[in-house]
Amino acid sequence: MNDRLKGKVAIITGAGRHKGLGEAIAKRFASESCDVVITDIGAPSGPHLTADNIGTTAEMEEVAAGIRQHASQVGATGRVLTMTCDVRSEADIQRTVADTVAQCGRLDIVVNNAGIGYIMKSMLEFSVEEWDIILDVNLRGPFLFAKHAALQMIKQNEAGTGKGGRIINIASQAAKSAAPNLIPYTSSKHGLVGLTRVAAVELGKHGITVNAVCPNHVTTGLGAKQNAFRGKVLGKDTAGVLEFRKGKIPLGRVGLPEDTANACLFLASDEAAYITAEAMNVSGGEEMH
């Protein structure tokens, strides 16, 4: 352990589910003595945000307890907090930023991880309501969090208590290449790369870097749903789908949550101080754009 994030405070959205990318990122940051605030929506909210698809308050607390235990085992010193936050709500985001600063004293890193990618069907079958909820979570949420995080980071800089900041957006391989049956998801992730680039240009003068991470398929809870859908299309079971996916990857395996977490740690660290506006592929060589 290098304590690379010691003294830093990070918010990670959509991190309240077991075996998710958010949990892996939070665990990696906490292992480097970062104060980590895990957020998730906490309770069902409408037909597409059900208990099966969100991080409930109870699950979020379980995730946090597991991360605290791991951090303690490796000798890390950061705290792990939980806060409910609906990333579609600007008021929720403002409250989360304010509560983080009130409890931790500052905000240095935001990882926009919350996303919807489990609604899969033909473009001709998607409803406007489905389009709207996916774009609201996957693109509106990162915009609002980046905005209010940046305002706090700039305030810290002006007060002499901060030195820039880090905003990391979890995009996808779908931000680079077309993904059939996922038109709102693919559109939102392409948009997220555009948001990343413009925010990086505007916030660079404040020492705030903005980058995106673009993983290929990772079998999280969301990934399992995608595997099931892809299996129906291909006429394969889950094992067959995974073999199909591995066959397209030069390194010969599908991605792990830890692969994305390691990329986020690098981008959050001092080593990445001169890297901004990038959309980093974490795909074992499958995505080269």
Protein backbone atom coordinates (compact mmCIF):
# COMPACT_ATOMS: atom_id res chain seq x y z
CA MET A 1 0.00 0.00 0.00
CA ASN A 2 1.36 3.42 -1.00
CA ASP A 3 -1.20 5.75 0.63
CA ARG A 4 -1.41 7.47 -2.75
CA LEU A 5 -4.72 9.12 -1.89
CA LYS A 6 -4.08 9.80 1.79
CA GLY A 7 -5.76 13.03 2.87
CA LYS A 8 -8.03 13.05 -0.20
CA VAL A 9 -11.83 12.84 -0.19
CA ALA A 10 -13.75 11.11 -2.98
CA ILE A 11 -17.41 10.69 -3.87
CA ILE A 12 -18.25 7.61 -5.95
CA THR A 13 -21.77 7.47 -7.37
CA GLY A 14 -23.74 4.28 -7.97
CA ALA A 15 -21.40 2.37 -5.66
CA GLY A 16 -23.96 0.71 -3.42
CA ARG A 17 -24.13 -2.72 -5.07
CA HIS A 18 -22.15 -5.85 -4.35
CA LYS A 19 -19.71 -6.84 -7.13
CA GLY A 20 -20.23 -3.59 -9.02
CA LEU A 21 -17.66 -1.28 -10.55
CA GLY A 22 -18.45 1.33 -7.91
CA GLU A 23 -17.72 -1.07 -5.08
CA ALA A 24 -14.39 -2.03 -6.67
CA ILE A 25 -13.41 1.62 -7.16
CA ALA A 26 -14.38 2.54 -3.60
CA LYS A 27 -12.44 -0.43 -2.24
CA ARG A 28 -9.34 0.53 -4.24
CA PHE A 29 -9.48 4.14 -3.13
CA ALA A 30 -10.09 3.21 0.51
CA SER A 31 -7.07 0.89 0.35
CA GLU A 32 -4.99 3.97 -0.48
CA SER A 33 -6.25 5.79 2.67
CA CYS A 34 -8.74 7.98 0.82
CA ASP A 35 -11.90 9.12 2.60
CA VAL A 36 -14.61 7.59 0.41
CA VAL A 37 -18.27 8.59 0.20
CA ILE A 38 -20.37 5.85 -1.39
CA THR A 39 -23.64 7.02 -2.92
CA ASP A 40 -26.60 5.25 -4.45
CA ILE A 41 -30.26 6.02 -4.92
CA GLY A 42 -31.21 3.95 -1.86
CA ALA A 43 -34.83 3.09 -2.68
CA PRO A 44 -36.85 2.09 -5.76
CA SER A 45 -37.97 5.01 -7.91
CA GLY A 46 -40.20 4.12 -10.83
CA PRO A 47 -40.56 1.09 -13.11
CA HIS A 48 -36.91 0.91 -14.21
CA LEU A 49 -35.25 1.72 -10.89
CA THR A 50 -36.42 -1.27 -8.87
CA ALA A 51 -34.82 -3.08 -5.95
CA ASP A 52 -33.28 -5.49 -8.50
CA ASN A 53 -31.50 -2.70 -10.36
CA ILE A 54 -30.38 -0.19 -7.73
CA GLY A 55 -28.26 -0.03 -4.63
CA THR A 56 -30.70 0.01 -1.73
CA THR A 57 -29.73 1.71 1.52
CA ALA A 58 -29.30 -1.68 3.18
CA GLU A 59 -27.04 -3.05 0.42
CA MET A 60 -25.06 0.19 0.35
CA GLU A 61 -24.36 -0.16 4.08
CA GLU A 62 -23.25 -3.76 3.56
CA VAL A 63 -20.89 -2.70 0.78
CA ALA A 64 -19.45 0.05 2.98
CA ALA A 65 -18.95 -2.35 5.90
CA GLY A 66 -17.03 -4.75 3.66
CA ILE A 67 -14.81 -1.96 2.35
CA ARG A 68 -14.11 -0.71 5.88
CA GLN A 69 -13.07 -4.20 6.90
CA HIS A 70 -10.76 -4.57 3.91
CA ALA A 71 -9.22 -1.14 4.45
CA SER A 72 -8.54 -1.99 8.08
CA GLN A 73 -6.90 -5.27 7.12
CA VAL A 74 -4.44 -3.52 4.80
CA GLY A 75 -3.69 -0.77 7.30
CA ALA A 76 -5.44 2.05 5.45
CA THR A 77 -6.64 5.03 7.46
CA GLY A 78 -9.44 6.61 5.40
CA ARG A 79 -13.11 6.65 6.34
CA VAL A 80 -15.94 5.08 4.33
CA LEU A 81 -19.26 6.92 4.48
CA THR A 82 -22.59 6.35 2.74
CA MET A 83 -25.11 8.86 1.42
CA THR A 84 -28.26 8.39 -0.62
CA CYS A 85 -28.29 10.43 -3.82
CA ASP A 86 -30.45 10.35 -6.93
CA VAL A 87 -28.10 11.65 -9.60
CA ARG A 88 -31.08 12.90 -11.63
CA SER A 89 -31.72 15.49 -8.91
CA GLU A 90 -29.59 18.64 -8.76
CA ALA A 91 -30.80 19.25 -5.20
CA ASP A 92 -29.65 15.75 -4.16
CA ILE A 93 -26.24 16.34 -5.72
CA GLN A 94 -25.83 19.72 -4.05
CA ARG A 95 -26.77 18.17 -0.71
CA THR A 96 -24.34 15.28 -1.19
CA VAL A 97 -21.45 17.63 -1.99
CA ALA A 98 -22.32 19.85 0.98
CA ASP A 99 -22.68 16.90 3.38
CA THR A 100 -19.38 15.46 2.19
CA VAL A 101 -17.59 18.73 2.87
CA ALA A 102 -19.33 19.08 6.25
CA GLN A 103 -18.22 15.60 7.34
CA CYS A 104 -14.85 15.31 5.61
CA GLY A 105 -13.75 18.93 5.30
CA ARG A 106 -13.18 18.95 1.54
CA LEU A 107 -13.80 17.26 -1.82
CA ASP A 108 -10.96 16.25 -4.13
CA ILE A 109 -12.28 13.48 -6.39
CA VAL A 110 -15.61 12.58 -7.97
CA VAL A 111 -16.15 9.33 -9.86
CA ASN A 112 -19.35 9.43 -11.92
CA ASN A 113 -20.08 5.72 -11.93
CA ALA A 114 -23.90 5.57 -11.64
CA GLY A 115 -25.48 4.32 -14.83
CA ILE A 116 -28.27 2.35 -16.47
CA GLY A 117 -27.35 -0.25 -19.06
CA TYR A 118 -29.78 -3.07 -18.39
CA ILE A 119 -32.62 -1.99 -20.71
CA MET A 120 -31.88 -3.77 -23.97
CA LYS A 121 -34.06 -3.91 -27.06
CA SER A 122 -34.21 -2.79 -30.68
CA MET A 123 -34.08 0.94 -31.38
CA LEU A 124 -37.56 0.57 -32.86
CA GLU A 125 -38.90 -0.70 -29.53
CA PHE A 126 -37.39 1.86 -27.14
CA SER A 127 -39.87 4.29 -25.62
CA VAL A 128 -39.24 7.99 -24.98
CA GLU A 129 -39.58 7.28 -21.25
CA GLU A 130 -36.82 4.67 -21.41
CA TRP A 131 -34.62 7.01 -23.44
CA ASP A 132 -35.14 9.80 -20.92
CA ILE A 133 -34.32 7.82 -17.79
CA ILE A 134 -31.12 6.38 -19.30
CA LEU A 135 -29.93 9.80 -20.51
CA ASP A 136 -30.89 11.38 -17.17
CA VAL A 137 -28.83 8.91 -15.13
CA ASN A 138 -25.94 8.38 -17.56
CA LEU A 139 -25.39 11.94 -18.82
CA ARG A 140 -27.41 14.51 -16.85
CA GLY A 141 -26.11 13.06 -13.56
CA PRO A 142 -22.41 13.29 -14.50
CA PHE A 143 -22.93 16.85 -15.80
CA LEU A 144 -24.55 17.97 -12.54
CA PHE A 145 -22.00 16.21 -10.33
CA ALA A 146 -19.09 17.58 -12.34
CA LYS A 147 -20.58 21.07 -12.10
CA HIS A 148 -21.11 21.09 -8.35
CA ALA A 149 -17.91 19.21 -7.56
CA ALA A 150 -15.95 21.71 -9.64
CA LEU A 151 -17.58 24.63 -7.83
CA GLN A 152 -16.45 23.15 -4.52
CA MET A 153 -12.95 22.40 -5.79
CA ILE A 154 -12.58 25.95 -7.11
CA LYS A 155 -13.78 27.32 -3.77
CA GLN A 156 -11.11 25.26 -2.00
CA ASN A 157 -8.45 26.48 -4.42
CA GLU A 158 -9.39 30.10 -3.83
CA ALA A 159 -9.30 29.56 -0.07
CA GLY A 160 -5.82 28.07 -0.34
CA THR A 161 -6.98 24.67 0.92
CA GLY A 162 -7.08 22.85 -2.40
CA LYS A 163 -4.91 22.10 -5.39
CA GLY A 164 -7.20 21.43 -8.29
CA GLY A 165 -9.22 18.23 -8.30
CA ARG A 166 -10.12 15.09 -10.22
CA ILE A 167 -13.34 14.22 -12.05
CA ILE A 168 -13.50 10.72 -13.50
CA ASN A 169 -16.41 9.61 -15.66
CA ILE A 170 -17.10 5.90 -16.12
CA ALA A 171 -17.99 5.64 -19.79
CA SER A 172 -17.82 2.35 -21.70
CA GLN A 173 -16.53 0.64 -24.78
CA ALA A 174 -19.96 1.76 -26.03
CA ALA A 175 -18.58 5.31 -25.91
CA LYS A 176 -16.27 4.39 -28.79
CA SER A 177 -18.13 1.76 -30.83
CA ALA A 178 -21.75 1.03 -31.65
CA ALA A 179 -23.54 -1.40 -29.34
CA PRO A 180 -26.72 -2.86 -30.86
CA ASN A 181 -29.87 -3.02 -28.72
CA LEU A 182 -28.45 -0.30 -26.46
CA ILE A 183 -29.14 2.91 -28.39
CA PRO A 184 -29.84 5.18 -25.37
CA TYR A 185 -26.92 3.69 -23.43
CA THR A 186 -24.52 4.01 -26.37
CA SER A 187 -25.69 7.55 -27.09
CA SER A 188 -25.29 8.55 -23.45
CA LYS A 189 -21.77 7.14 -23.24
CA HIS A 190 -20.70 8.86 -26.46
CA GLY A 191 -22.11 12.04 -24.93
CA LEU A 192 -20.20 11.42 -21.71
CA VAL A 193 -16.90 11.49 -23.61
CA GLY A 194 -17.95 14.82 -25.13
CA LEU A 195 -18.82 16.14 -21.67
CA THR A 196 -15.44 14.96 -20.41
CA ARG A 197 -13.56 16.84 -23.13
CA VAL A 198 -15.43 20.13 -22.77
CA ALA A 199 -15.23 20.06 -18.97
CA ALA A 200 -11.49 19.34 -19.17
CA VAL A 201 -10.97 22.36 -21.42
CA GLU A 202 -13.01 24.67 -19.19
CA LEU A 203 -11.71 23.45 -15.82
CA GLY A 204 -8.03 23.06 -16.71
CA LYS A 205 -7.24 26.63 -15.57
CA HIS A 206 -8.38 25.59 -12.09
CA GLY A 207 -6.09 22.58 -11.99
CA ILE A 208 -9.04 20.20 -12.26
CA THR A 209 -8.50 17.22 -14.55
CA VAL A 210 -11.45 15.49 -16.19
CA ASN A 211 -11.07 12.05 -17.74
CA ALA A 212 -13.21 9.11 -18.78
CA VAL A 213 -12.58 5.40 -18.36
CA CYS A 214 -14.00 3.11 -21.05
CA PRO A 215 -14.17 -0.53 -19.92
CA ASN A 216 -15.39 -3.32 -22.16
CA HIS A 217 -17.73 -5.97 -20.78
CA VAL A 218 -17.39 -6.65 -17.06
CA THR A 219 -19.65 -9.29 -15.51
CA THR A 220 -21.07 -7.21 -12.68
CA GLY A 221 -24.77 -7.43 -11.80
CA LEU A 222 -25.41 -5.25 -14.85
CA GLY A 223 -23.00 -7.36 -16.90
CA ALA A 224 -24.89 -10.52 -15.97
CA LYS A 225 -28.09 -9.03 -17.37
CA GLN A 226 -26.25 -8.12 -20.56
CA ASN A 227 -24.87 -11.66 -20.80
CA ALA A 228 -28.37 -13.11 -20.47
CA PHE A 229 -29.69 -10.83 -23.21
CA ARG A 230 -26.70 -11.50 -25.49
CA GLY A 231 -27.18 -15.23 -24.92
CA LYS A 232 -30.72 -15.05 -26.24
CA VAL A 233 -29.47 -13.26 -29.36
CA LEU A 234 -26.60 -15.70 -29.92
CA GLY A 235 -28.38 -18.84 -28.79
CA LYS A 236 -25.76 -19.48 -26.10
CA ASP A 237 -25.72 -19.95 -22.35
CA THR A 238 -23.72 -17.62 -20.09
CA ALA A 239 -20.55 -19.70 -20.42
CA GLY A 240 -20.90 -19.60 -24.20
CA VAL A 241 -21.41 -15.84 -24.17
CA LEU A 242 -18.28 -15.34 -22.09
CA GLU A 243 -16.27 -17.54 -24.45
CA PHE A 244 -17.63 -15.48 -27.36
CA ARG A 245 -16.56 -12.28 -25.61
CA LYS A 246 -13.09 -13.62 -24.72
CA GLY A 247 -12.53 -14.59 -28.33
CA LYS A 248 -12.60 -10.92 -29.33
CA ILE A 249 -10.10 -9.77 -26.66
CA PRO A 250 -6.34 -9.97 -27.39
CA LEU A 251 -5.51 -10.57 -23.72
CA GLY A 252 -7.90 -13.52 -23.70
CA ARG A 253 -10.17 -12.68 -20.77
CA VAL A 254 -13.11 -10.42 -19.99
CA GLY A 255 -12.60 -7.41 -17.78
CA LEU A 256 -12.71 -7.46 -13.99
CA PRO A 257 -14.05 -4.67 -11.76
CA GLU A 258 -10.52 -4.29 -10.41
CA ASP A 259 -9.21 -3.39 -13.89
CA THR A 260 -11.44 -0.34 -13.98
CA ALA A 261 -10.70 0.47 -10.33
CA ASN A 262 -6.95 0.48 -11.02
CA ALA A 263 -7.39 2.87 -13.94
CA CYS A 264 -9.44 5.19 -11.75
CA LEU A 265 -6.81 5.09 -9.02
CA PHE A 266 -4.15 6.14 -11.50
CA LEU A 267 -6.25 9.02 -12.84
CA ALA A 268 -7.02 10.16 -9.29
CA SER A 269 -3.37 10.07 -8.23
CA ASP A 270 -0.62 12.66 -8.50
CA GLU A 271 1.00 10.56 -11.23
CA ALA A 272 -1.82 11.59 -13.59
CA ALA A 273 -1.58 15.32 -12.87
CA TYR A 274 -0.80 16.12 -16.53
CA ILE A 275 -3.50 13.89 -18.03
CA THR A 276 -6.88 15.40 -18.87
CA ALA A 277 -9.60 15.16 -21.56
CA GLU A 278 -8.71 11.50 -22.16
CA ALA A 279 -11.07 8.57 -22.69
CA MET A 280 -8.95 5.63 -21.50
CA ASN A 281 -9.77 2.18 -22.86
CA VAL A 282 -9.66 -0.64 -20.31
CA SER A 283 -10.54 -3.49 -22.62
CA GLY A 284 -7.67 -5.96 -22.91
CA GLY A 285 -7.01 -4.60 -26.40
CA GLU A 286 -10.54 -5.14 -27.73
CA GLU A 287 -11.20 -1.41 -28.16
CA MET A 288 -8.47 0.52 -29.96
CA HIS A 289 -10.17 3.83 -30.84
